[in-house]
Amino acid sequence: MNVEAKHWSKVELLHETVRNPNIHVRGTNSYYSNAWTGSFEESVVRYLYGDDYSLKAWEPQWPIDQLRIGDYVAIGAEAVILMGGNHTHRTDWVSLYPFIDMIGEAYIGKGDTIIGDGAWIGMRAMIMPGVTLGEGAVIASGAIVTRDVSAYTIVAGNPARPVRQRFPEADIETLLSLGIYRWERSKFDALRNVICADDIAALKAASEAYDAEQA
């Protein structure tokens, strides 16, 4: 994305701003739409050890769940990615209260949160801990995502449920096999006209032709 070009919004390129060592951003194109909010780490990522606040406030007693973000991910304003640092409310215990002397026993990790390449998280959506969003997934505005979302699937609601797949199953399998978000930048840019279109067969053919020319 050319952030120098005039645009109605304002974006924060994550690879340029993320400092928390527990957030891993692949590539250089994922962004947060921060025109009306604070930064990505200030406003979106919650309960993840490694930011300025948590480093001063507490010492973890357990392995830290990681946040992994793919390339070409678009995150809308006021979205929340809730991480595992607050998983000390045990629903299987009589008391949900996180007593300090019982924190170690109370904590149950949810695992890493993974946002796949090309995913789009809508404004004010919330991603719960340990969730994986597949490649090209769409999270509707205001959705509360509590379960994994399959590749190229649109989900909405609270809790979020699948609305529809963006493409037929066979086309999704083709897209995943092409691995477009792992292409060299030169190939990605050369085939932008078919990437920004809806003809999956044409995209596959263009990819094969490009590879043949480069061989």
N, C-alpha and C. Protein backbone atom coordinates (compact mmCIF):
# COMPACT_ATOMS: atom_id res chain seq x y z
N MET A 1 0.84 -1.19 0.00
CA MET A 1 0.00 0.00 0.00
C MET A 1 0.88 1.25 0.00
N ASN A 2 0.56 2.20 -0.87
CA ASN A 2 1.30 3.46 -0.92
C ASN A 2 0.69 4.42 0.08
N VAL A 3 1.32 4.54 1.25
CA VAL A 3 0.74 5.38 2.30
C VAL A 3 0.94 6.86 2.03
N GLU A 4 1.74 7.19 1.00
CA GLU A 4 1.93 8.59 0.65
C GLU A 4 0.78 9.12 -0.19
N ALA A 5 0.05 8.23 -0.86
CA ALA A 5 -1.06 8.66 -1.71
C ALA A 5 -2.20 9.16 -0.84
N LYS A 6 -2.97 10.11 -1.35
CA LYS A 6 -4.11 10.64 -0.62
C LYS A 6 -5.18 9.58 -0.51
N HIS A 7 -5.76 9.48 0.67
CA HIS A 7 -6.76 8.45 0.94
C HIS A 7 -7.64 8.95 2.06
N TRP A 8 -8.90 8.49 2.10
CA TRP A 8 -9.83 8.96 3.13
C TRP A 8 -9.44 8.49 4.51
N SER A 9 -8.69 7.40 4.58
CA SER A 9 -8.34 6.82 5.86
C SER A 9 -6.88 7.07 6.18
N LYS A 10 -6.44 6.51 7.29
CA LYS A 10 -5.06 6.56 7.72
C LYS A 10 -4.68 5.16 8.14
N VAL A 11 -3.51 4.69 7.73
CA VAL A 11 -3.12 3.34 8.05
C VAL A 11 -1.78 3.32 8.75
N GLU A 12 -1.62 2.29 9.58
CA GLU A 12 -0.37 2.04 10.28
C GLU A 12 0.17 0.71 9.77
N LEU A 13 1.29 0.73 9.07
CA LEU A 13 1.91 -0.49 8.59
C LEU A 13 2.57 -1.20 9.77
N LEU A 14 2.09 -2.40 10.05
CA LEU A 14 2.47 -3.07 11.29
C LEU A 14 3.95 -3.40 11.38
N HIS A 15 4.56 -3.76 10.27
CA HIS A 15 5.98 -4.11 10.33
C HIS A 15 6.85 -2.92 10.71
N GLU A 16 6.32 -1.72 10.54
CA GLU A 16 7.08 -0.51 10.88
C GLU A 16 6.91 -0.09 12.33
N THR A 17 5.83 -0.51 12.98
CA THR A 17 5.50 0.04 14.29
C THR A 17 5.51 -0.97 15.44
N VAL A 18 5.27 -2.25 15.15
CA VAL A 18 5.15 -3.24 16.23
C VAL A 18 6.50 -3.42 16.92
N ARG A 19 6.46 -3.34 18.26
CA ARG A 19 7.67 -3.48 19.07
C ARG A 19 7.61 -4.69 20.01
N ASN A 20 6.43 -5.16 20.33
CA ASN A 20 6.28 -6.27 21.26
C ASN A 20 6.91 -7.52 20.65
N PRO A 21 7.87 -8.16 21.33
CA PRO A 21 8.53 -9.34 20.76
C PRO A 21 7.61 -10.55 20.64
N ASN A 22 6.42 -10.48 21.23
CA ASN A 22 5.47 -11.59 21.15
C ASN A 22 4.46 -11.41 20.01
N ILE A 23 4.64 -10.36 19.22
CA ILE A 23 3.84 -10.14 18.01
C ILE A 23 4.75 -10.35 16.81
N HIS A 24 4.36 -11.23 15.92
CA HIS A 24 5.19 -11.57 14.76
C HIS A 24 4.43 -11.21 13.49
N VAL A 25 4.96 -10.29 12.72
CA VAL A 25 4.32 -9.81 11.49
C VAL A 25 5.13 -10.28 10.30
N ARG A 26 4.48 -11.04 9.43
CA ARG A 26 5.16 -11.51 8.22
C ARG A 26 4.90 -10.54 7.08
N GLY A 27 5.94 -10.17 6.38
CA GLY A 27 5.78 -9.29 5.23
C GLY A 27 5.70 -7.82 5.62
N THR A 28 5.42 -6.99 4.62
CA THR A 28 5.46 -5.53 4.81
C THR A 28 4.17 -4.83 4.40
N ASN A 29 3.07 -5.57 4.29
CA ASN A 29 1.84 -4.97 3.76
C ASN A 29 0.66 -4.96 4.72
N SER A 30 0.75 -5.65 5.83
CA SER A 30 -0.37 -5.69 6.77
C SER A 30 -0.50 -4.34 7.48
N TYR A 31 -1.76 -3.93 7.70
CA TYR A 31 -1.96 -2.61 8.29
C TYR A 31 -3.15 -2.58 9.25
N TYR A 32 -3.12 -1.54 10.10
CA TYR A 32 -4.24 -1.22 10.98
C TYR A 32 -4.77 0.15 10.58
N SER A 33 -6.09 0.27 10.45
CA SER A 33 -6.72 1.55 10.10
C SER A 33 -6.89 2.37 11.38
N ASN A 34 -5.92 3.23 11.67
CA ASN A 34 -5.87 3.90 12.98
C ASN A 34 -6.23 5.38 12.95
N ALA A 35 -7.06 5.77 11.99
CA ALA A 35 -7.37 7.20 11.85
C ALA A 35 -8.07 7.77 13.08
N TRP A 36 -8.87 6.95 13.78
CA TRP A 36 -9.67 7.47 14.90
C TRP A 36 -9.27 6.86 16.24
N THR A 37 -8.14 6.16 16.27
CA THR A 37 -7.75 5.45 17.48
C THR A 37 -6.28 5.66 17.75
N GLY A 38 -5.81 5.01 18.81
CA GLY A 38 -4.38 4.98 19.06
C GLY A 38 -3.72 3.97 18.14
N SER A 39 -2.50 3.62 18.46
CA SER A 39 -1.75 2.70 17.61
C SER A 39 -2.26 1.27 17.76
N PHE A 40 -1.78 0.40 16.91
CA PHE A 40 -2.17 -1.01 16.92
C PHE A 40 -1.90 -1.65 18.28
N GLU A 41 -0.71 -1.45 18.80
CA GLU A 41 -0.37 -2.06 20.08
C GLU A 41 -1.12 -1.42 21.23
N GLU A 42 -1.42 -0.13 21.14
CA GLU A 42 -2.15 0.55 22.21
C GLU A 42 -3.63 0.20 22.21
N SER A 43 -4.21 0.06 21.04
CA SER A 43 -5.67 -0.02 20.93
C SER A 43 -6.22 -1.40 20.60
N VAL A 44 -5.46 -2.21 19.89
CA VAL A 44 -6.01 -3.47 19.37
C VAL A 44 -5.59 -4.68 20.20
N VAL A 45 -4.32 -4.81 20.47
CA VAL A 45 -3.81 -6.00 21.16
C VAL A 45 -3.96 -5.84 22.66
N ARG A 46 -4.70 -6.73 23.31
CA ARG A 46 -4.95 -6.64 24.75
C ARG A 46 -4.44 -7.90 25.45
N TYR A 47 -3.94 -7.71 26.67
CA TYR A 47 -3.51 -8.81 27.53
C TYR A 47 -2.39 -9.64 26.91
N LEU A 48 -1.43 -8.97 26.29
CA LEU A 48 -0.27 -9.67 25.75
C LEU A 48 0.98 -9.13 26.42
N TYR A 49 1.66 -9.99 27.15
CA TYR A 49 2.87 -9.58 27.83
C TYR A 49 3.92 -9.13 26.81
N GLY A 50 4.68 -8.10 27.18
CA GLY A 50 5.76 -7.64 26.32
C GLY A 50 5.65 -6.19 25.92
N ASP A 51 4.49 -5.53 26.22
CA ASP A 51 4.39 -4.11 25.93
C ASP A 51 4.91 -3.32 27.13
N ASP A 52 4.97 -2.00 27.01
CA ASP A 52 5.54 -1.17 28.06
C ASP A 52 4.79 -1.32 29.38
N TYR A 53 3.47 -1.43 29.30
CA TYR A 53 2.66 -1.53 30.52
C TYR A 53 2.92 -2.84 31.25
N SER A 54 2.81 -3.95 30.52
CA SER A 54 2.93 -5.25 31.19
C SER A 54 4.33 -5.51 31.71
N LEU A 55 5.34 -5.00 31.02
CA LEU A 55 6.71 -5.20 31.48
C LEU A 55 6.92 -4.57 32.85
N LYS A 56 6.23 -3.45 33.09
CA LYS A 56 6.36 -2.75 34.37
C LYS A 56 5.44 -3.33 35.44
N ALA A 57 4.33 -3.93 35.02
CA ALA A 57 3.27 -4.28 35.97
C ALA A 57 3.39 -5.69 36.55
N TRP A 58 3.90 -6.65 35.78
CA TRP A 58 3.88 -8.02 36.30
C TRP A 58 4.90 -8.91 35.60
N GLU A 59 5.17 -10.03 36.26
CA GLU A 59 6.06 -11.04 35.70
C GLU A 59 5.23 -12.28 35.38
N PRO A 60 5.33 -12.79 34.16
CA PRO A 60 4.53 -13.96 33.79
C PRO A 60 5.00 -15.21 34.51
N GLN A 61 4.06 -16.07 34.84
CA GLN A 61 4.38 -17.35 35.47
C GLN A 61 4.13 -18.52 34.53
N TRP A 62 3.93 -18.21 33.24
CA TRP A 62 3.60 -19.25 32.27
C TRP A 62 4.12 -18.84 30.89
N PRO A 63 4.23 -19.78 29.95
CA PRO A 63 4.65 -19.42 28.59
C PRO A 63 3.68 -18.42 27.98
N ILE A 64 4.19 -17.46 27.22
CA ILE A 64 3.37 -16.41 26.64
C ILE A 64 2.84 -16.84 25.27
N ASP A 65 1.52 -16.81 25.12
CA ASP A 65 0.92 -17.08 23.82
C ASP A 65 1.35 -16.00 22.84
N GLN A 66 1.62 -16.38 21.60
CA GLN A 66 2.12 -15.48 20.59
C GLN A 66 1.01 -15.02 19.64
N LEU A 67 1.19 -13.83 19.09
CA LEU A 67 0.29 -13.32 18.06
C LEU A 67 1.05 -13.33 16.74
N ARG A 68 0.52 -14.07 15.77
CA ARG A 68 1.19 -14.21 14.47
C ARG A 68 0.27 -13.67 13.37
N ILE A 69 0.78 -12.69 12.64
CA ILE A 69 0.00 -11.98 11.63
C ILE A 69 0.66 -12.17 10.26
N GLY A 70 -0.13 -12.62 9.31
CA GLY A 70 0.40 -12.84 7.97
C GLY A 70 0.56 -11.54 7.19
N ASP A 71 0.80 -11.69 5.90
CA ASP A 71 0.99 -10.53 5.02
C ASP A 71 -0.35 -10.13 4.38
N TYR A 72 -0.46 -8.88 3.98
CA TYR A 72 -1.65 -8.33 3.33
C TYR A 72 -2.91 -8.46 4.21
N VAL A 73 -2.74 -8.35 5.51
CA VAL A 73 -3.86 -8.38 6.46
C VAL A 73 -4.36 -6.95 6.66
N ALA A 74 -5.68 -6.77 6.64
CA ALA A 74 -6.29 -5.45 6.85
C ALA A 74 -7.11 -5.50 8.14
N ILE A 75 -6.81 -4.60 9.08
CA ILE A 75 -7.49 -4.60 10.38
C ILE A 75 -8.20 -3.27 10.56
N GLY A 76 -9.52 -3.31 10.74
CA GLY A 76 -10.34 -2.12 10.84
C GLY A 76 -10.20 -1.42 12.19
N ALA A 77 -10.60 -0.16 12.20
CA ALA A 77 -10.51 0.67 13.40
C ALA A 77 -11.26 0.05 14.57
N GLU A 78 -10.65 0.11 15.75
CA GLU A 78 -11.25 -0.30 17.02
C GLU A 78 -11.48 -1.80 17.12
N ALA A 79 -10.87 -2.58 16.25
CA ALA A 79 -10.89 -4.04 16.43
C ALA A 79 -10.10 -4.38 17.69
N VAL A 80 -10.38 -5.53 18.27
CA VAL A 80 -9.66 -5.99 19.46
C VAL A 80 -9.18 -7.42 19.22
N ILE A 81 -7.91 -7.64 19.48
CA ILE A 81 -7.35 -8.99 19.48
C ILE A 81 -7.00 -9.30 20.93
N LEU A 82 -7.82 -10.15 21.53
CA LEU A 82 -7.68 -10.46 22.95
C LEU A 82 -6.74 -11.65 23.11
N MET A 83 -5.66 -11.44 23.83
CA MET A 83 -4.67 -12.49 24.01
C MET A 83 -4.86 -13.22 25.33
N GLY A 84 -3.94 -14.14 25.65
CA GLY A 84 -4.16 -15.09 26.73
C GLY A 84 -3.80 -14.65 28.12
N GLY A 85 -3.33 -13.41 28.30
CA GLY A 85 -2.85 -13.01 29.61
C GLY A 85 -3.90 -12.94 30.70
N ASN A 86 -5.18 -12.95 30.34
CA ASN A 86 -6.23 -12.86 31.36
C ASN A 86 -6.95 -14.19 31.58
N HIS A 87 -6.36 -15.29 31.14
CA HIS A 87 -7.04 -16.58 31.29
C HIS A 87 -6.81 -17.18 32.67
N THR A 88 -7.28 -16.44 33.67
CA THR A 88 -7.15 -16.87 35.06
C THR A 88 -8.51 -16.96 35.74
N HIS A 89 -9.57 -16.99 34.95
CA HIS A 89 -10.93 -17.13 35.47
C HIS A 89 -11.42 -18.54 35.14
N ARG A 90 -11.28 -19.46 36.08
CA ARG A 90 -11.56 -20.86 35.83
C ARG A 90 -13.05 -21.15 35.96
N THR A 91 -13.69 -21.48 34.84
CA THR A 91 -15.12 -21.78 34.88
C THR A 91 -15.40 -23.14 35.49
N ASP A 92 -14.36 -23.99 35.60
CA ASP A 92 -14.56 -25.29 36.22
C ASP A 92 -14.34 -25.25 37.74
N TRP A 93 -13.91 -24.09 38.25
CA TRP A 93 -13.79 -23.90 39.69
C TRP A 93 -15.05 -23.23 40.23
N VAL A 94 -15.31 -23.37 41.49
CA VAL A 94 -16.46 -22.70 42.09
C VAL A 94 -16.34 -21.20 41.96
N SER A 95 -15.17 -20.68 42.29
CA SER A 95 -14.95 -19.23 42.20
C SER A 95 -14.22 -18.87 40.91
N LEU A 96 -14.76 -17.87 40.21
CA LEU A 96 -14.11 -17.37 38.99
C LEU A 96 -13.04 -16.34 39.30
N TYR A 97 -12.98 -15.90 40.55
CA TYR A 97 -12.12 -14.77 40.92
C TYR A 97 -10.64 -15.14 40.81
N PRO A 98 -9.82 -14.26 40.19
CA PRO A 98 -8.39 -14.56 40.00
C PRO A 98 -7.55 -14.18 41.22
N PHE A 99 -7.61 -14.99 42.26
CA PHE A 99 -6.83 -14.71 43.46
C PHE A 99 -5.33 -14.77 43.12
N ILE A 100 -4.60 -13.75 43.58
CA ILE A 100 -3.20 -13.63 43.22
C ILE A 100 -2.39 -14.85 43.62
N ASP A 101 -2.68 -15.41 44.80
CA ASP A 101 -1.89 -16.56 45.25
C ASP A 101 -2.26 -17.85 44.53
N MET A 102 -3.29 -17.79 43.67
CA MET A 102 -3.70 -18.97 42.91
C MET A 102 -3.56 -18.77 41.40
N ILE A 103 -2.92 -17.67 41.01
CA ILE A 103 -2.84 -17.33 39.58
C ILE A 103 -2.19 -18.45 38.77
N GLY A 104 -1.09 -18.99 39.26
CA GLY A 104 -0.40 -20.03 38.52
C GLY A 104 -1.26 -21.24 38.24
N GLU A 105 -2.04 -21.65 39.24
CA GLU A 105 -2.92 -22.80 39.08
C GLU A 105 -4.14 -22.46 38.22
N ALA A 106 -4.55 -21.20 38.28
CA ALA A 106 -5.76 -20.79 37.56
C ALA A 106 -5.54 -20.65 36.06
N TYR A 107 -4.34 -20.26 35.67
CA TYR A 107 -4.10 -19.95 34.26
C TYR A 107 -4.17 -21.20 33.38
N ILE A 108 -4.89 -21.08 32.28
CA ILE A 108 -4.93 -22.11 31.24
C ILE A 108 -4.70 -21.42 29.90
N GLY A 109 -3.58 -21.72 29.27
CA GLY A 109 -3.26 -21.09 28.00
C GLY A 109 -4.19 -21.51 26.88
N LYS A 110 -4.39 -20.62 25.92
CA LYS A 110 -5.25 -20.90 24.78
C LYS A 110 -4.46 -21.17 23.51
N GLY A 111 -3.15 -20.98 23.56
CA GLY A 111 -2.33 -21.18 22.38
C GLY A 111 -2.20 -19.90 21.56
N ASP A 112 -1.37 -19.96 20.55
CA ASP A 112 -1.12 -18.79 19.72
C ASP A 112 -2.37 -18.36 18.96
N THR A 113 -2.47 -17.07 18.71
CA THR A 113 -3.51 -16.51 17.84
C THR A 113 -2.87 -16.26 16.48
N ILE A 114 -3.49 -16.77 15.43
CA ILE A 114 -2.90 -16.71 14.09
C ILE A 114 -3.88 -16.04 13.13
N ILE A 115 -3.41 -15.01 12.48
CA ILE A 115 -4.21 -14.30 11.47
C ILE A 115 -3.57 -14.55 10.12
N GLY A 116 -4.26 -15.30 9.28
CA GLY A 116 -3.69 -15.73 8.02
C GLY A 116 -3.53 -14.60 7.00
N ASP A 117 -2.71 -14.87 6.01
CA ASP A 117 -2.48 -13.91 4.92
C ASP A 117 -3.79 -13.48 4.30
N GLY A 118 -3.87 -12.18 3.98
CA GLY A 118 -5.02 -11.68 3.23
C GLY A 118 -6.31 -11.60 3.99
N ALA A 119 -6.28 -11.81 5.32
CA ALA A 119 -7.52 -11.72 6.10
C ALA A 119 -7.93 -10.26 6.28
N TRP A 120 -9.22 -10.06 6.51
CA TRP A 120 -9.77 -8.71 6.73
C TRP A 120 -10.61 -8.75 8.00
N ILE A 121 -10.21 -7.97 9.00
CA ILE A 121 -10.92 -7.89 10.26
C ILE A 121 -11.66 -6.57 10.31
N GLY A 122 -12.99 -6.61 10.39
CA GLY A 122 -13.81 -5.42 10.33
C GLY A 122 -13.76 -4.59 11.59
N MET A 123 -14.26 -3.37 11.47
CA MET A 123 -14.26 -2.42 12.58
C MET A 123 -14.99 -2.98 13.79
N ARG A 124 -14.36 -2.85 14.95
CA ARG A 124 -14.91 -3.26 16.25
C ARG A 124 -15.16 -4.76 16.38
N ALA A 125 -14.57 -5.55 15.51
CA ALA A 125 -14.62 -7.00 15.70
C ALA A 125 -13.69 -7.37 16.85
N MET A 126 -13.95 -8.52 17.47
CA MET A 126 -13.09 -9.01 18.54
C MET A 126 -12.67 -10.44 18.23
N ILE A 127 -11.35 -10.66 18.29
CA ILE A 127 -10.78 -11.98 18.07
C ILE A 127 -10.38 -12.54 19.43
N MET A 128 -10.99 -13.63 19.83
CA MET A 128 -10.69 -14.23 21.13
C MET A 128 -9.39 -15.03 21.07
N PRO A 129 -8.80 -15.32 22.24
CA PRO A 129 -7.47 -15.96 22.28
C PRO A 129 -7.45 -17.35 21.65
N GLY A 130 -6.32 -17.65 21.03
CA GLY A 130 -6.11 -18.99 20.50
C GLY A 130 -6.81 -19.31 19.21
N VAL A 131 -7.39 -18.28 18.57
CA VAL A 131 -8.15 -18.48 17.33
C VAL A 131 -7.21 -18.38 16.13
N THR A 132 -7.52 -19.15 15.09
CA THR A 132 -6.82 -19.05 13.82
C THR A 132 -7.78 -18.58 12.74
N LEU A 133 -7.41 -17.51 12.06
CA LEU A 133 -8.17 -17.01 10.92
C LEU A 133 -7.46 -17.48 9.66
N GLY A 134 -8.15 -18.20 8.81
CA GLY A 134 -7.53 -18.73 7.61
C GLY A 134 -7.23 -17.66 6.58
N GLU A 135 -6.46 -18.03 5.59
CA GLU A 135 -6.13 -17.13 4.48
C GLU A 135 -7.40 -16.55 3.88
N GLY A 136 -7.41 -15.23 3.67
CA GLY A 136 -8.53 -14.60 3.00
C GLY A 136 -9.83 -14.57 3.77
N ALA A 137 -9.80 -14.88 5.08
CA ALA A 137 -11.02 -14.85 5.88
C ALA A 137 -11.50 -13.41 6.07
N VAL A 138 -12.81 -13.24 6.20
CA VAL A 138 -13.42 -11.93 6.44
C VAL A 138 -14.19 -11.98 7.76
N ILE A 139 -13.85 -11.07 8.66
CA ILE A 139 -14.53 -10.96 9.95
C ILE A 139 -15.39 -9.72 9.91
N ALA A 140 -16.71 -9.88 9.96
CA ALA A 140 -17.62 -8.74 9.84
C ALA A 140 -17.46 -7.78 11.01
N SER A 141 -17.81 -6.54 10.78
CA SER A 141 -17.75 -5.53 11.84
C SER A 141 -18.57 -5.98 13.04
N GLY A 142 -17.98 -5.85 14.22
CA GLY A 142 -18.69 -6.19 15.45
C GLY A 142 -18.76 -7.66 15.77
N ALA A 143 -18.21 -8.52 14.95
CA ALA A 143 -18.25 -9.96 15.20
C ALA A 143 -17.36 -10.32 16.38
N ILE A 144 -17.77 -11.34 17.13
CA ILE A 144 -16.96 -11.88 18.23
C ILE A 144 -16.53 -13.28 17.82
N VAL A 145 -15.26 -13.43 17.49
CA VAL A 145 -14.77 -14.68 16.94
C VAL A 145 -14.22 -15.56 18.06
N THR A 146 -14.88 -16.67 18.32
CA THR A 146 -14.50 -17.58 19.39
C THR A 146 -13.93 -18.90 18.87
N ARG A 147 -14.06 -19.13 17.56
CA ARG A 147 -13.58 -20.38 16.97
C ARG A 147 -12.77 -20.08 15.71
N ASP A 148 -12.00 -21.04 15.27
CA ASP A 148 -11.22 -20.88 14.05
C ASP A 148 -12.14 -20.56 12.87
N VAL A 149 -11.63 -19.78 11.94
CA VAL A 149 -12.36 -19.42 10.73
C VAL A 149 -11.62 -20.00 9.53
N SER A 150 -12.34 -20.73 8.72
CA SER A 150 -11.72 -21.38 7.56
C SER A 150 -11.29 -20.36 6.51
N ALA A 151 -10.37 -20.77 5.66
CA ALA A 151 -9.88 -19.90 4.59
C ALA A 151 -11.02 -19.42 3.70
N TYR A 152 -10.95 -18.17 3.31
CA TYR A 152 -11.89 -17.56 2.38
C TYR A 152 -13.35 -17.71 2.82
N THR A 153 -13.56 -17.59 4.12
CA THR A 153 -14.90 -17.68 4.70
C THR A 153 -15.25 -16.37 5.39
N ILE A 154 -16.50 -15.93 5.23
CA ILE A 154 -17.00 -14.73 5.88
C ILE A 154 -17.78 -15.14 7.12
N VAL A 155 -17.46 -14.54 8.27
CA VAL A 155 -18.20 -14.82 9.50
C VAL A 155 -18.75 -13.51 10.07
N ALA A 156 -19.85 -13.63 10.82
CA ALA A 156 -20.48 -12.46 11.42
C ALA A 156 -21.23 -12.89 12.67
N GLY A 157 -21.52 -11.92 13.55
CA GLY A 157 -22.36 -12.18 14.71
C GLY A 157 -21.60 -12.43 15.99
N ASN A 158 -22.38 -12.71 17.06
CA ASN A 158 -21.83 -12.98 18.38
C ASN A 158 -22.58 -14.17 18.99
N PRO A 159 -21.89 -15.33 19.07
CA PRO A 159 -20.55 -15.60 18.54
C PRO A 159 -20.57 -15.67 17.02
N ALA A 160 -19.43 -15.40 16.41
CA ALA A 160 -19.36 -15.37 14.95
C ALA A 160 -19.66 -16.73 14.35
N ARG A 161 -20.49 -16.72 13.32
CA ARG A 161 -20.84 -17.93 12.57
C ARG A 161 -20.57 -17.71 11.09
N PRO A 162 -20.28 -18.79 10.36
CA PRO A 162 -20.05 -18.63 8.91
C PRO A 162 -21.30 -18.08 8.21
N VAL A 163 -21.09 -17.10 7.37
CA VAL A 163 -22.15 -16.54 6.54
C VAL A 163 -22.12 -17.22 5.17
N ARG A 164 -20.94 -17.26 4.60
CA ARG A 164 -20.76 -17.95 3.32
C ARG A 164 -19.27 -18.04 3.02
N GLN A 165 -18.93 -18.92 2.08
CA GLN A 165 -17.58 -18.96 1.55
C GLN A 165 -17.48 -17.95 0.42
N ARG A 166 -16.33 -17.33 0.32
CA ARG A 166 -16.15 -16.32 -0.71
C ARG A 166 -16.11 -16.93 -2.12
N PHE A 167 -15.68 -18.16 -2.22
CA PHE A 167 -15.57 -18.83 -3.50
C PHE A 167 -16.00 -20.29 -3.33
N PRO A 168 -16.31 -20.99 -4.41
CA PRO A 168 -16.60 -22.42 -4.32
C PRO A 168 -15.40 -23.18 -3.74
N GLU A 169 -15.67 -24.33 -3.14
CA GLU A 169 -14.63 -25.10 -2.46
C GLU A 169 -13.45 -25.42 -3.37
N ALA A 170 -13.74 -25.78 -4.61
CA ALA A 170 -12.67 -26.12 -5.54
C ALA A 170 -11.76 -24.92 -5.80
N ASP A 171 -12.35 -23.74 -5.90
CA ASP A 171 -11.56 -22.53 -6.13
C ASP A 171 -10.72 -22.18 -4.90
N ILE A 172 -11.27 -22.42 -3.72
CA ILE A 172 -10.50 -22.17 -2.49
C ILE A 172 -9.30 -23.09 -2.43
N GLU A 173 -9.50 -24.37 -2.80
CA GLU A 173 -8.38 -25.31 -2.83
C GLU A 173 -7.31 -24.85 -3.82
N THR A 174 -7.76 -24.31 -4.95
CA THR A 174 -6.81 -23.80 -5.94
C THR A 174 -6.03 -22.62 -5.38
N LEU A 175 -6.74 -21.69 -4.75
CA LEU A 175 -6.07 -20.52 -4.18
C LEU A 175 -5.04 -20.91 -3.12
N LEU A 176 -5.40 -21.83 -2.26
CA LEU A 176 -4.47 -22.27 -1.22
C LEU A 176 -3.26 -22.96 -1.83
N SER A 177 -3.47 -23.73 -2.89
CA SER A 177 -2.35 -24.41 -3.53
C SER A 177 -1.43 -23.43 -4.26
N LEU A 178 -2.00 -22.32 -4.76
CA LEU A 178 -1.19 -21.31 -5.45
C LEU A 178 -0.28 -20.56 -4.48
N GLY A 179 -0.74 -20.38 -3.24
CA GLY A 179 0.08 -19.68 -2.25
C GLY A 179 0.45 -18.27 -2.68
N ILE A 180 -0.51 -17.51 -3.16
CA ILE A 180 -0.20 -16.20 -3.75
C ILE A 180 0.50 -15.25 -2.77
N TYR A 181 0.21 -15.38 -1.49
CA TYR A 181 0.82 -14.46 -0.52
C TYR A 181 2.23 -14.86 -0.14
N ARG A 182 2.71 -15.94 -0.74
CA ARG A 182 4.10 -16.36 -0.54
C ARG A 182 4.93 -16.12 -1.81
N TRP A 183 4.30 -15.59 -2.84
CA TRP A 183 5.04 -15.31 -4.07
C TRP A 183 6.07 -14.21 -3.85
N GLU A 184 7.10 -14.24 -4.69
CA GLU A 184 8.02 -13.11 -4.74
C GLU A 184 7.25 -11.85 -5.13
N ARG A 185 7.70 -10.72 -4.62
CA ARG A 185 6.99 -9.47 -4.89
C ARG A 185 6.87 -9.18 -6.39
N SER A 186 7.90 -9.55 -7.14
CA SER A 186 7.88 -9.29 -8.59
C SER A 186 6.73 -10.04 -9.26
N LYS A 187 6.51 -11.29 -8.85
CA LYS A 187 5.42 -12.07 -9.43
C LYS A 187 4.07 -11.53 -8.97
N PHE A 188 3.96 -11.22 -7.71
CA PHE A 188 2.70 -10.69 -7.17
C PHE A 188 2.30 -9.42 -7.91
N ASP A 189 3.26 -8.52 -8.09
CA ASP A 189 2.96 -7.25 -8.77
C ASP A 189 2.64 -7.47 -10.25
N ALA A 190 3.35 -8.40 -10.88
CA ALA A 190 3.12 -8.65 -12.31
C ALA A 190 1.73 -9.21 -12.57
N LEU A 191 1.19 -9.96 -11.60
CA LEU A 191 -0.12 -10.59 -11.78
C LEU A 191 -1.22 -9.88 -11.01
N ARG A 192 -0.98 -8.64 -10.65
CA ARG A 192 -1.96 -7.90 -9.84
C ARG A 192 -3.32 -7.81 -10.52
N ASN A 193 -3.35 -7.72 -11.84
CA ASN A 193 -4.63 -7.58 -12.54
C ASN A 193 -5.52 -8.81 -12.38
N VAL A 194 -4.92 -10.01 -12.24
CA VAL A 194 -5.73 -11.20 -12.03
C VAL A 194 -5.92 -11.53 -10.55
N ILE A 195 -5.05 -10.98 -9.71
CA ILE A 195 -5.26 -11.12 -8.27
C ILE A 195 -6.45 -10.24 -7.85
N CYS A 196 -6.54 -9.08 -8.44
CA CYS A 196 -7.65 -8.17 -8.15
C CYS A 196 -8.80 -8.42 -9.13
N ALA A 197 -9.26 -9.65 -9.15
CA ALA A 197 -10.36 -10.08 -10.01
C ALA A 197 -10.95 -11.35 -9.41
N ASP A 198 -11.97 -11.90 -10.08
CA ASP A 198 -12.68 -13.05 -9.49
C ASP A 198 -12.57 -14.33 -10.31
N ASP A 199 -11.67 -14.34 -11.29
CA ASP A 199 -11.52 -15.51 -12.16
C ASP A 199 -10.35 -16.34 -11.65
N ILE A 200 -10.63 -17.37 -10.85
CA ILE A 200 -9.57 -18.17 -10.25
C ILE A 200 -8.83 -18.99 -11.30
N ALA A 201 -9.56 -19.47 -12.30
CA ALA A 201 -8.91 -20.23 -13.37
C ALA A 201 -7.92 -19.36 -14.12
N ALA A 202 -8.28 -18.11 -14.37
CA ALA A 202 -7.37 -17.19 -15.05
C ALA A 202 -6.15 -16.90 -14.19
N LEU A 203 -6.35 -16.80 -12.89
CA LEU A 203 -5.23 -16.56 -11.99
C LEU A 203 -4.26 -17.73 -12.01
N LYS A 204 -4.80 -18.94 -11.97
CA LYS A 204 -3.94 -20.12 -12.01
C LYS A 204 -3.16 -20.18 -13.33
N ALA A 205 -3.87 -19.91 -14.43
CA ALA A 205 -3.22 -19.95 -15.74
C ALA A 205 -2.12 -18.89 -15.84
N ALA A 206 -2.39 -17.71 -15.32
CA ALA A 206 -1.40 -16.64 -15.35
C ALA A 206 -0.18 -17.00 -14.50
N SER A 207 -0.43 -17.64 -13.37
CA SER A 207 0.68 -18.06 -12.51
C SER A 207 1.56 -19.09 -13.21
N GLU A 208 0.93 -20.05 -13.87
CA GLU A 208 1.69 -21.10 -14.57
C GLU A 208 2.48 -20.49 -15.73
N ALA A 209 1.85 -19.54 -16.44
CA ALA A 209 2.54 -18.89 -17.57
C ALA A 209 3.74 -18.08 -17.08
N TYR A 210 3.55 -17.38 -15.98
CA TYR A 210 4.64 -16.57 -15.41
C TYR A 210 5.81 -17.47 -15.00
N ASP A 211 5.49 -18.57 -14.32
CA ASP A 211 6.55 -19.49 -13.89
C ASP A 211 7.29 -20.08 -15.07
N ALA A 212 6.55 -20.39 -16.14
CA ALA A 212 7.18 -20.96 -17.34
C ALA A 212 8.14 -19.96 -17.98
N GLU A 213 7.73 -18.69 -17.99
CA GLU A 213 8.59 -17.65 -18.57
C GLU A 213 9.87 -17.45 -17.76
N GLN A 214 9.74 -17.64 -16.44
CA GLN A 214 10.91 -17.42 -15.58
C GLN A 214 11.84 -18.62 -15.52
N ALA A 215 11.35 -19.77 -15.98
CA ALA A 215 12.16 -21.00 -15.89
C ALA A 215 13.35 -20.97 -16.85
